[in-house]
Amino acid sequence: MNNINKIVGTSTADLLKQKSKIETPTGGEQFANHLTSALNEVNDMQKDSEHAIADLATGQVKDLHQAALAIGKAETSMKLMLEIRNKALNAYKEIGRTQV
């Protein structure tokens, strides 16, 4: 019976703290998750744009304004993504040139 008393159980609060540490992504993982999410959104907009263009080409467009908006959103999101990429590459190159 003395052996059983020596066993120390983990409290529920300690288990919850451990769980939150495991589930919480680090800064790098959060950035990667946000980047992946943004790229998926741009990809979805591009797909919508392609679908709208295909509908325009086949004459199946019901609302020309919605098709034009989808194409405009896709174009704007692609330009923004490219600018962000360019800024990130420039920052990376600048860090690489920095002398320590």
PDB file of N, CA and C in Angstrom:
ATOM      1  N   MET A   1       0.817  -1.186   0.000  1.00  0.00           N
ATOM      2  CA  MET A   1       0.000   0.000   0.000  1.00  0.00           C
ATOM      3  C   MET A   1       0.866   1.256   0.000  1.00  0.00           C
ATOM      4  N   ASN A   2       2.037   1.204   0.547  1.00  0.00           N
ATOM      5  CA  ASN A   2       2.929   2.349   0.584  1.00  0.00           C
ATOM      6  C   ASN A   2       3.377   2.749  -0.817  1.00  0.00           C
ATOM      7  N   ASN A   3       3.519   1.783  -1.716  1.00  0.00           N
ATOM      8  CA  ASN A   3       3.925   2.082  -3.083  1.00  0.00           C
ATOM      9  C   ASN A   3       2.869   2.908  -3.809  1.00  0.00           C
ATOM     10  N   ILE A   4       1.618   2.656  -3.519  1.00  0.00           N
ATOM     11  CA  ILE A   4       0.538   3.396  -4.171  1.00  0.00           C
ATOM     12  C   ILE A   4       0.546   4.851  -3.715  1.00  0.00           C
ATOM     13  N   ASN A   5       0.824   5.116  -2.496  1.00  0.00           N
ATOM     14  CA  ASN A   5       0.855   6.479  -1.978  1.00  0.00           C
ATOM     15  C   ASN A   5       1.985   7.301  -2.576  1.00  0.00           C
ATOM     16  N   LYS A   6       3.031   6.639  -3.052  1.00  0.00           N
ATOM     17  CA  LYS A   6       4.171   7.347  -3.620  1.00  0.00           C
ATOM     18  C   LYS A   6       3.895   7.829  -5.049  1.00  0.00           C
ATOM     19  N   ILE A   7       2.879   7.296  -5.705  1.00  0.00           N
ATOM     20  CA  ILE A   7       2.558   7.686  -7.075  1.00  0.00           C
ATOM     21  C   ILE A   7       1.904   9.059  -7.044  1.00  0.00           C
ATOM     22  N   VAL A   8       2.452   9.970  -7.809  1.00  0.00           N
ATOM     23  CA  VAL A   8       1.919  11.326  -7.858  1.00  0.00           C
ATOM     24  C   VAL A   8       1.149  11.478  -9.167  1.00  0.00           C
ATOM     25  N   GLY A   9      -0.096  11.821  -9.080  1.00  0.00           N
ATOM     26  CA  GLY A   9      -0.923  12.004 -10.265  1.00  0.00           C
ATOM     27  C   GLY A   9      -0.772  13.407 -10.817  1.00  0.00           C
ATOM     28  N   THR A  10      -0.989  13.534 -12.098  1.00  0.00           N
ATOM     29  CA  THR A  10      -0.939  14.839 -12.758  1.00  0.00           C
ATOM     30  C   THR A  10      -2.308  15.491 -12.645  1.00  0.00           C
ATOM     31  N   SER A  11      -2.334  16.719 -12.232  1.00  0.00           N
ATOM     32  CA  SER A  11      -3.610  17.397 -12.060  1.00  0.00           C
ATOM     33  C   SER A  11      -4.203  17.770 -13.417  1.00  0.00           C
ATOM     34  N   THR A  12      -5.469  18.020 -13.426  1.00  0.00           N
ATOM     35  CA  THR A  12      -6.158  18.402 -14.657  1.00  0.00           C
ATOM     36  C   THR A  12      -5.625  19.707 -15.199  1.00  0.00           C
ATOM     37  N   ALA A  13      -5.305  20.636 -14.319  1.00  0.00           N
ATOM     38  CA  ALA A  13      -4.755  21.927 -14.756  1.00  0.00           C
ATOM     39  C   ALA A  13      -3.426  21.736 -15.474  1.00  0.00           C
ATOM     40  N   ASP A  14      -2.577  20.841 -14.934  1.00  0.00           N
ATOM     41  CA  ASP A  14      -1.293  20.571 -15.590  1.00  0.00           C
ATOM     42  C   ASP A  14      -1.498  19.941 -16.961  1.00  0.00           C
ATOM     43  N   LEU A  15      -2.468  19.040 -17.075  1.00  0.00           N
ATOM     44  CA  LEU A  15      -2.755  18.408 -18.362  1.00  0.00           C
ATOM     45  C   LEU A  15      -3.251  19.433 -19.384  1.00  0.00           C
ATOM     46  N   LEU A  16      -4.083  20.368 -18.930  1.00  0.00           N
ATOM     47  CA  LEU A  16      -4.580  21.401 -19.845  1.00  0.00           C
ATOM     48  C   LEU A  16      -3.462  22.318 -20.309  1.00  0.00           C
ATOM     49  N   LYS A  17      -2.522  22.631 -19.413  1.00  0.00           N
ATOM     50  CA  LYS A  17      -1.380  23.456 -19.798  1.00  0.00           C
ATOM     51  C   LYS A  17      -0.527  22.740 -20.837  1.00  0.00           C
ATOM     52  N   GLN A  18      -0.303  21.443 -20.633  1.00  0.00           N
ATOM     53  CA  GLN A  18       0.475  20.668 -21.594  1.00  0.00           C
ATOM     54  C   GLN A  18      -0.229  20.610 -22.936  1.00  0.00           C
ATOM     55  N   LYS A  19      -1.548  20.456 -22.913  1.00  0.00           N
ATOM     56  CA  LYS A  19      -2.325  20.392 -24.154  1.00  0.00           C
ATOM     57  C   LYS A  19      -2.234  21.703 -24.906  1.00  0.00           C
ATOM     58  N   SER A  20      -2.347  22.820 -24.192  1.00  0.00           N
ATOM     59  CA  SER A  20      -2.287  24.122 -24.866  1.00  0.00           C
ATOM     60  C   SER A  20      -0.903  24.374 -25.449  1.00  0.00           C
ATOM     61  N   LYS A  21       0.144  23.884 -24.802  1.00  0.00           N
ATOM     62  CA  LYS A  21       1.500  24.033 -25.343  1.00  0.00           C
ATOM     63  C   LYS A  21       1.665  23.229 -26.621  1.00  0.00           C
ATOM     64  N   ILE A  22       1.055  22.069 -26.674  1.00  0.00           N
ATOM     65  CA  ILE A  22       1.172  21.212 -27.851  1.00  0.00           C
ATOM     66  C   ILE A  22       0.381  21.785 -29.016  1.00  0.00           C
ATOM     67  N   GLU A  23      -0.831  22.292 -28.757  1.00  0.00           N
ATOM     68  CA  GLU A  23      -1.710  22.752 -29.824  1.00  0.00           C
ATOM     69  C   GLU A  23      -1.358  24.136 -30.349  1.00  0.00           C
ATOM     70  N   THR A  24      -0.683  24.948 -29.564  1.00  0.00           N
ATOM     71  CA  THR A  24      -0.373  26.308 -29.984  1.00  0.00           C
ATOM     72  C   THR A  24       0.824  26.294 -30.924  1.00  0.00           C
ATOM     73  N   PRO A  25       0.606  26.729 -32.184  1.00  0.00           N
ATOM     74  CA  PRO A  25       1.745  26.762 -33.103  1.00  0.00           C
ATOM     75  C   PRO A  25       2.707  27.882 -32.734  1.00  0.00           C
ATOM     76  N   THR A  26       3.957  27.686 -33.085  1.00  0.00           N
ATOM     77  CA  THR A  26       4.966  28.705 -32.817  1.00  0.00           C
ATOM     78  C   THR A  26       4.812  29.839 -33.819  1.00  0.00           C
ATOM     79  N   GLY A  27       5.610  30.877 -33.651  1.00  0.00           N
ATOM     80  CA  GLY A  27       5.527  32.039 -34.529  1.00  0.00           C
ATOM     81  C   GLY A  27       5.744  31.676 -35.986  1.00  0.00           C
ATOM     82  N   GLY A  28       6.731  30.826 -36.247  1.00  0.00           N
ATOM     83  CA  GLY A  28       7.010  30.412 -37.616  1.00  0.00           C
ATOM     84  C   GLY A  28       5.883  29.600 -38.204  1.00  0.00           C
ATOM     85  N   GLU A  29       5.295  28.732 -37.382  1.00  0.00           N
ATOM     86  CA  GLU A  29       4.176  27.919 -37.861  1.00  0.00           C
ATOM     87  C   GLU A  29       2.947  28.785 -38.117  1.00  0.00           C
ATOM     88  N   GLN A  30       2.719  29.778 -37.259  1.00  0.00           N
ATOM     89  CA  GLN A  30       1.588  30.673 -37.470  1.00  0.00           C
ATOM     90  C   GLN A  30       1.760  31.442 -38.778  1.00  0.00           C
ATOM     91  N   PHE A  31       2.971  31.921 -39.028  1.00  0.00           N
ATOM     92  CA  PHE A  31       3.225  32.644 -40.262  1.00  0.00           C
ATOM     93  C   PHE A  31       2.997  31.732 -41.459  1.00  0.00           C
ATOM     94  N   ALA A  32       3.481  30.501 -41.373  1.00  0.00           N
ATOM     95  CA  ALA A  32       3.294  29.548 -42.461  1.00  0.00           C
ATOM     96  C   ALA A  32       1.816  29.243 -42.672  1.00  0.00           C
ATOM     97  N   ASN A  33       1.063  29.126 -41.580  1.00  0.00           N
ATOM     98  CA  ASN A  33      -0.376  28.878 -41.697  1.00  0.00           C
ATOM     99  C   ASN A  33      -1.090  30.046 -42.359  1.00  0.00           C
ATOM    100  N   HIS A  34      -0.731  31.269 -41.968  1.00  0.00           N
ATOM    101  CA  HIS A  34      -1.347  32.452 -42.575  1.00  0.00           C
ATOM    102  C   HIS A  34      -0.974  32.561 -44.049  1.00  0.00           C
ATOM    103  N   LEU A  35       0.265  32.274 -44.362  1.00  0.00           N
ATOM    104  CA  LEU A  35       0.719  32.340 -45.749  1.00  0.00           C
ATOM    105  C   LEU A  35       0.002  31.302 -46.599  1.00  0.00           C
ATOM    106  N   THR A  36      -0.111  30.097 -46.088  1.00  0.00           N
ATOM    107  CA  THR A  36      -0.819  29.043 -46.811  1.00  0.00           C
ATOM    108  C   THR A  36      -2.280  29.413 -47.018  1.00  0.00           C
ATOM    109  N   SER A  37      -2.896  29.961 -45.994  1.00  0.00           N
ATOM    110  CA  SER A  37      -4.296  30.381 -46.094  1.00  0.00           C
ATOM    111  C   SER A  37      -4.468  31.472 -47.148  1.00  0.00           C
ATOM    112  N   ALA A  38      -3.562  32.440 -47.154  1.00  0.00           N
ATOM    113  CA  ALA A  38      -3.643  33.527 -48.135  1.00  0.00           C
ATOM    114  C   ALA A  38      -3.437  33.002 -49.553  1.00  0.00           C
ATOM    115  N   LEU A  39      -2.493  32.090 -49.723  1.00  0.00           N
ATOM    116  CA  LEU A  39      -2.261  31.519 -51.051  1.00  0.00           C
ATOM    117  C   LEU A  39      -3.469  30.702 -51.516  1.00  0.00           C
ATOM    118  N   ASN A  40      -4.106  29.998 -50.604  1.00  0.00           N
ATOM    119  CA  ASN A  40      -5.309  29.242 -50.962  1.00  0.00           C
ATOM    120  C   ASN A  40      -6.450  30.171 -51.377  1.00  0.00           C
ATOM    121  N   GLU A  41      -6.573  31.312 -50.693  1.00  0.00           N
ATOM    122  CA  GLU A  41      -7.606  32.285 -51.066  1.00  0.00           C
ATOM    123  C   GLU A  41      -7.347  32.852 -52.459  1.00  0.00           C
ATOM    124  N   VAL A  42      -6.094  33.180 -52.747  1.00  0.00           N
ATOM    125  CA  VAL A  42      -5.747  33.689 -54.083  1.00  0.00           C
ATOM    126  C   VAL A  42      -6.027  32.625 -55.129  1.00  0.00           C
ATOM    127  N   ASN A  43      -5.705  31.389 -54.823  1.00  0.00           N
ATOM    128  CA  ASN A  43      -5.960  30.287 -55.749  1.00  0.00           C
ATOM    129  C   ASN A  43      -7.456  30.128 -56.004  1.00  0.00           C
ATOM    130  N   ASP A  44      -8.271  30.226 -54.951  1.00  0.00           N
ATOM    131  CA  ASP A  44      -9.721  30.123 -55.120  1.00  0.00           C
ATOM    132  C   ASP A  44     -10.257  31.253 -55.993  1.00  0.00           C
ATOM    133  N   MET A  45      -9.726  32.462 -55.799  1.00  0.00           N
ATOM    134  CA  MET A  45     -10.158  33.595 -56.623  1.00  0.00           C
ATOM    135  C   MET A  45      -9.767  33.390 -58.079  1.00  0.00           C
ATOM    136  N   GLN A  46      -8.594  32.822 -58.297  1.00  0.00           N
ATOM    137  CA  GLN A  46      -8.155  32.544 -59.665  1.00  0.00           C
ATOM    138  C   GLN A  46      -9.070  31.512 -60.323  1.00  0.00           C
ATOM    139  N   LYS A  47      -9.471  30.497 -59.571  1.00  0.00           N
ATOM    140  CA  LYS A  47     -10.381  29.478 -60.103  1.00  0.00           C
ATOM    141  C   LYS A  47     -11.735  30.087 -60.446  1.00  0.00           C
ATOM    142  N   ASP A  48     -12.240  30.958 -59.555  1.00  0.00           N
ATOM    143  CA  ASP A  48     -13.504  31.633 -59.833  1.00  0.00           C
ATOM    144  C   ASP A  48     -13.402  32.488 -61.088  1.00  0.00           C
ATOM    145  N   SER A  49     -12.270  33.157 -61.246  1.00  0.00           N
ATOM    146  CA  SER A  49     -12.046  33.987 -62.420  1.00  0.00           C
ATOM    147  C   SER A  49     -12.018  33.141 -63.696  1.00  0.00           C
ATOM    148  N   GLU A  50     -11.323  32.015 -63.641  1.00  0.00           N
ATOM    149  CA  GLU A  50     -11.271  31.137 -64.807  1.00  0.00           C
ATOM    150  C   GLU A  50     -12.648  30.608 -65.163  1.00  0.00           C
ATOM    151  N   HIS A  51     -13.436  30.289 -64.136  1.00  0.00           N
ATOM    152  CA  HIS A  51     -14.797  29.813 -64.368  1.00  0.00           C
ATOM    153  C   HIS A  51     -15.639  30.919 -65.015  1.00  0.00           C
ATOM    154  N   ALA A  52     -15.479  32.147 -64.530  1.00  0.00           N
ATOM    155  CA  ALA A  52     -16.234  33.278 -65.097  1.00  0.00           C
ATOM    156  C   ALA A  52     -15.818  33.526 -66.544  1.00  0.00           C
ATOM    157  N   ILE A  53     -14.528  33.425 -66.837  1.00  0.00           N
ATOM    158  CA  ILE A  53     -14.055  33.622 -68.212  1.00  0.00           C
ATOM    159  C   ILE A  53     -14.594  32.524 -69.125  1.00  0.00           C
ATOM    160  N   ALA A  54     -14.609  31.289 -68.624  1.00  0.00           N
ATOM    161  CA  ALA A  54     -15.157  30.183 -69.416  1.00  0.00           C
ATOM    162  C   ALA A  54     -16.649  30.400 -69.678  1.00  0.00           C
ATOM    163  N   ASP A  55     -17.363  30.896 -68.680  1.00  0.00           N
ATOM    164  CA  ASP A  55     -18.787  31.188 -68.870  1.00  0.00           C
ATOM    165  C   ASP A  55     -18.990  32.305 -69.882  1.00  0.00           C
ATOM    166  N   LEU A  56     -18.112  33.308 -69.847  1.00  0.00           N
ATOM    167  CA  LEU A  56     -18.199  34.381 -70.839  1.00  0.00           C
ATOM    168  C   LEU A  56     -17.957  33.851 -72.246  1.00  0.00           C
ATOM    169  N   ALA A  57     -16.974  32.977 -72.379  1.00  0.00           N
ATOM    170  CA  ALA A  57     -16.617  32.448 -73.695  1.00  0.00           C
ATOM    171  C   ALA A  57     -17.723  31.569 -74.274  1.00  0.00           C
ATOM    172  N   THR A  58     -18.409  30.841 -73.415  1.00  0.00           N
ATOM    173  CA  THR A  58     -19.457  29.939 -73.897  1.00  0.00           C
ATOM    174  C   THR A  58     -20.832  30.593 -73.917  1.00  0.00           C
ATOM    175  N   GLY A  59     -20.927  31.807 -73.427  1.00  0.00           N
ATOM    176  CA  GLY A  59     -22.210  32.511 -73.442  1.00  0.00           C
ATOM    177  C   GLY A  59     -23.149  32.088 -72.329  1.00  0.00           C
ATOM    178  N   GLN A  60     -22.638  31.453 -71.319  1.00  0.00           N
ATOM    179  CA  GLN A  60     -23.468  30.977 -70.215  1.00  0.00           C
ATOM    180  C   GLN A  60     -23.541  31.969 -69.061  1.00  0.00           C
ATOM    181  N   VAL A  61     -23.034  33.171 -69.269  1.00  0.00           N
ATOM    182  CA  VAL A  61     -23.019  34.179 -68.204  1.00  0.00           C
ATOM    183  C   VAL A  61     -24.437  34.670 -67.950  1.00  0.00           C
ATOM    184  N   LYS A  62     -24.809  34.667 -66.676  1.00  0.00           N
ATOM    185  CA  LYS A  62     -26.121  35.172 -66.292  1.00  0.00           C
ATOM    186  C   LYS A  62     -26.028  36.627 -65.850  1.00  0.00           C
ATOM    187  N   ASP A  63     -24.909  36.955 -65.210  1.00  0.00           N
ATOM    188  CA  ASP A  63     -24.714  38.319 -64.714  1.00  0.00           C
ATOM    189  C   ASP A  63     -23.299  38.762 -65.085  1.00  0.00           C
ATOM    190  N   LEU A  64     -23.210  39.653 -66.046  1.00  0.00           N
ATOM    191  CA  LEU A  64     -21.920  40.120 -66.539  1.00  0.00           C
ATOM    192  C   LEU A  64     -21.136  40.856 -65.453  1.00  0.00           C
ATOM    193  N   HIS A  65     -21.846  41.573 -64.589  1.00  0.00           N
ATOM    194  CA  HIS A  65     -21.176  42.332 -63.535  1.00  0.00           C
ATOM    195  C   HIS A  65     -20.483  41.402 -62.535  1.00  0.00           C
ATOM    196  N   GLN A  66     -21.124  40.297 -62.177  1.00  0.00           N
ATOM    197  CA  GLN A  66     -20.505  39.356 -61.245  1.00  0.00           C
ATOM    198  C   GLN A  66     -19.262  38.714 -61.850  1.00  0.00           C
ATOM    199  N   ALA A  67     -19.325  38.430 -63.143  1.00  0.00           N
ATOM    200  CA  ALA A  67     -18.153  37.863 -63.823  1.00  0.00           C
ATOM    201  C   ALA A  67     -17.010  38.876 -63.829  1.00  0.00           C
ATOM    202  N   ALA A  68     -17.323  40.130 -64.117  1.00  0.00           N
ATOM    203  CA  ALA A  68     -16.300  41.174 -64.139  1.00  0.00           C
ATOM    204  C   ALA A  68     -15.704  41.375 -62.742  1.00  0.00           C
ATOM    205  N   LEU A  69     -16.538  41.314 -61.720  1.00  0.00           N
ATOM    206  CA  LEU A  69     -16.037  41.446 -60.349  1.00  0.00           C
ATOM    207  C   LEU A  69     -15.118  40.290 -59.973  1.00  0.00           C
ATOM    208  N   ALA A  70     -15.480  39.077 -60.368  1.00  0.00           N
ATOM    209  CA  ALA A  70     -14.639  37.917 -60.064  1.00  0.00           C
ATOM    210  C   ALA A  70     -13.279  38.048 -60.743  1.00  0.00           C
ATOM    211  N   ILE A  71     -13.275  38.501 -61.976  1.00  0.00           N
ATOM    212  CA  ILE A  71     -12.021  38.678 -62.712  1.00  0.00           C
ATOM    213  C   ILE A  71     -11.186  39.787 -62.083  1.00  0.00           C
ATOM    214  N   GLY A  72     -11.827  40.880 -61.692  1.00  0.00           N
ATOM    215  CA  GLY A  72     -11.118  41.990 -61.051  1.00  0.00           C
ATOM    216  C   GLY A  72     -10.520  41.603 -59.708  1.00  0.00           C
ATOM    217  N   LYS A  73     -11.280  40.843 -58.906  1.00  0.00           N
ATOM    218  CA  LYS A  73     -10.775  40.389 -57.610  1.00  0.00           C
ATOM    219  C   LYS A  73      -9.556  39.495 -57.795  1.00  0.00           C
ATOM    220  N   ALA A  74      -9.641  38.599 -58.760  1.00  0.00           N
ATOM    221  CA  ALA A  74      -8.526  37.684 -59.005  1.00  0.00           C
ATOM    222  C   ALA A  74      -7.287  38.455 -59.449  1.00  0.00           C
ATOM    223  N   GLU A  75      -7.486  39.426 -60.306  1.00  0.00           N
ATOM    224  CA  GLU A  75      -6.348  40.219 -60.792  1.00  0.00           C
ATOM    225  C   GLU A  75      -5.705  41.007 -59.651  1.00  0.00           C
ATOM    226  N   THR A  76      -6.534  41.645 -58.840  1.00  0.00           N
ATOM    227  CA  THR A  76      -6.023  42.451 -57.731  1.00  0.00           C
ATOM    228  C   THR A  76      -5.319  41.581 -56.692  1.00  0.00           C
ATOM    229  N   SER A  77      -5.906  40.435 -56.373  1.00  0.00           N
ATOM    230  CA  SER A  77      -5.284  39.560 -55.374  1.00  0.00           C
ATOM    231  C   SER A  77      -3.961  39.005 -55.880  1.00  0.00           C
ATOM    232  N   MET A  78      -3.869  38.716 -57.172  1.00  0.00           N
ATOM    233  CA  MET A  78      -2.615  38.214 -57.731  1.00  0.00           C
ATOM    234  C   MET A  78      -1.538  39.301 -57.694  1.00  0.00           C
ATOM    235  N   LYS A  79      -1.906  40.522 -58.033  1.00  0.00           N
ATOM    236  CA  LYS A  79      -0.941  41.619 -57.972  1.00  0.00           C
ATOM    237  C   LYS A  79      -0.447  41.842 -56.549  1.00  0.00           C
ATOM    238  N   LEU A  80      -1.364  41.785 -55.590  1.00  0.00           N
ATOM    239  CA  LEU A  80      -0.981  41.966 -54.195  1.00  0.00           C
ATOM    240  C   LEU A  80      -0.051  40.851 -53.747  1.00  0.00           C
ATOM    241  N   MET A  81      -0.366  39.612 -54.112  1.00  0.00           N
ATOM    242  CA  MET A  81       0.480  38.491 -53.740  1.00  0.00           C
ATOM    243  C   MET A  81       1.886  38.635 -54.334  1.00  0.00           C
ATOM    244  N   LEU A  82       1.961  39.074 -55.572  1.00  0.00           N
ATOM    245  CA  LEU A  82       3.266  39.262 -56.211  1.00  0.00           C
ATOM    246  C   LEU A  82       4.064  40.370 -55.541  1.00  0.00           C
ATOM    247  N   GLU A  83       3.403  41.449 -55.142  1.00  0.00           N
ATOM    248  CA  GLU A  83       4.094  42.531 -54.443  1.00  0.00           C
ATOM    249  C   GLU A  83       4.605  42.071 -53.080  1.00  0.00           C
ATOM    250  N   ILE A  84       3.809  41.291 -52.380  1.00  0.00           N
ATOM    251  CA  ILE A  84       4.247  40.762 -51.086  1.00  0.00           C
ATOM    252  C   ILE A  84       5.439  39.842 -51.278  1.00  0.00           C
ATOM    253  N   ARG A  85       5.384  39.008 -52.310  1.00  0.00           N
ATOM    254  CA  ARG A  85       6.513  38.123 -52.603  1.00  0.00           C
ATOM    255  C   ARG A  85       7.768  38.930 -52.899  1.00  0.00           C
ATOM    256  N   ASN A  86       7.633  39.975 -53.722  1.00  0.00           N
ATOM    257  CA  ASN A  86       8.782  40.811 -54.067  1.00  0.00           C
ATOM    258  C   ASN A  86       9.375  41.484 -52.832  1.00  0.00           C
ATOM    259  N   LYS A  87       8.514  41.995 -51.958  1.00  0.00           N
ATOM    260  CA  LYS A  87       8.996  42.640 -50.725  1.00  0.00           C
ATOM    261  C   LYS A  87       9.707  41.627 -49.830  1.00  0.00           C
ATOM    262  N   ALA A  88       9.159  40.423 -49.723  1.00  0.00           N
ATOM    263  CA  ALA A  88       9.789  39.394 -48.890  1.00  0.00           C
ATOM    264  C   ALA A  88      11.149  39.001 -49.461  1.00  0.00           C
ATOM    265  N   LEU A  89      11.246  38.855 -50.781  1.00  0.00           N
ATOM    266  CA  LEU A  89      12.528  38.509 -51.395  1.00  0.00           C
ATOM    267  C   LEU A  89      13.549  39.622 -51.217  1.00  0.00           C
ATOM    268  N   ASN A  90      13.109  40.867 -51.356  1.00  0.00           N
ATOM    269  CA  ASN A  90      14.027  41.990 -51.138  1.00  0.00           C
ATOM    270  C   ASN A  90      14.521  42.030 -49.694  1.00  0.00           C
ATOM    271  N   ALA A  91      13.633  41.765 -48.747  1.00  0.00           N
ATOM    272  CA  ALA A  91      14.031  41.749 -47.339  1.00  0.00           C
ATOM    273  C   ALA A  91      15.011  40.611 -47.083  1.00  0.00           C
ATOM    274  N   TYR A  92      14.764  39.459 -47.678  1.00  0.00           N
ATOM    275  CA  TYR A  92      15.666  38.309 -47.520  1.00  0.00           C
ATOM    276  C   TYR A  92      17.047  38.627 -48.085  1.00  0.00           C
ATOM    277  N   LYS A  93      17.075  39.247 -49.262  1.00  0.00           N
ATOM    278  CA  LYS A  93      18.362  39.615 -49.867  1.00  0.00           C
ATOM    279  C   LYS A  93      19.089  40.646 -49.028  1.00  0.00           C
ATOM    280  N   GLU A  94      18.350  41.589 -48.470  1.00  0.00           N
ATOM    281  CA  GLU A  94      18.956  42.622 -47.628  1.00  0.00           C
ATOM    282  C   GLU A  94      19.555  42.001 -46.367  1.00  0.00           C
ATOM    283  N   ILE A  95      18.856  41.059 -45.781  1.00  0.00           N
ATOM    284  CA  ILE A  95      19.385  40.369 -44.600  1.00  0.00           C
ATOM    285  C   ILE A  95      20.643  39.598 -44.963  1.00  0.00           C
ATOM    286  N   GLY A  96      20.644  38.987 -46.143  1.00  0.00           N
ATOM    287  CA  GLY A  96      21.819  38.240 -46.605  1.00  0.00           C
ATOM    288  C   GLY A  96      23.023  39.128 -46.812  1.00  0.00           C
ATOM    289  N   ARG A  97      22.812  40.379 -47.184  1.00  0.00           N
ATOM    290  CA  ARG A  97      23.921  41.317 -47.406  1.00  0.00           C
ATOM    291  C   ARG A  97      24.440  41.929 -46.119  1.00  0.00           C
ATOM    292  N   THR A  98      23.667  41.792 -45.041  1.00  0.00           N
ATOM    293  CA  THR A  98      24.057  42.393 -43.775  1.00  0.00           C
ATOM    294  C   THR A  98      25.289  41.705 -43.220  1.00  0.00           C
ATOM    295  N   GLN A  99      26.268  42.502 -42.835  1.00  0.00           N
ATOM    296  CA  GLN A  99      27.481  41.945 -42.260  1.00  0.00           C
ATOM    297  C   GLN A  99      27.359  41.903 -40.743  1.00  0.00           C
ATOM    298  N   VAL A 100      27.794  40.803 -40.204  1.00  0.00           N
ATOM    299  CA  VAL A 100      27.694  40.629 -38.748  1.00  0.00           C
ATOM    300  C   VAL A 100      29.017  40.887 -38.106  1.00  0.00           C
TER     301      VAL A 100
END
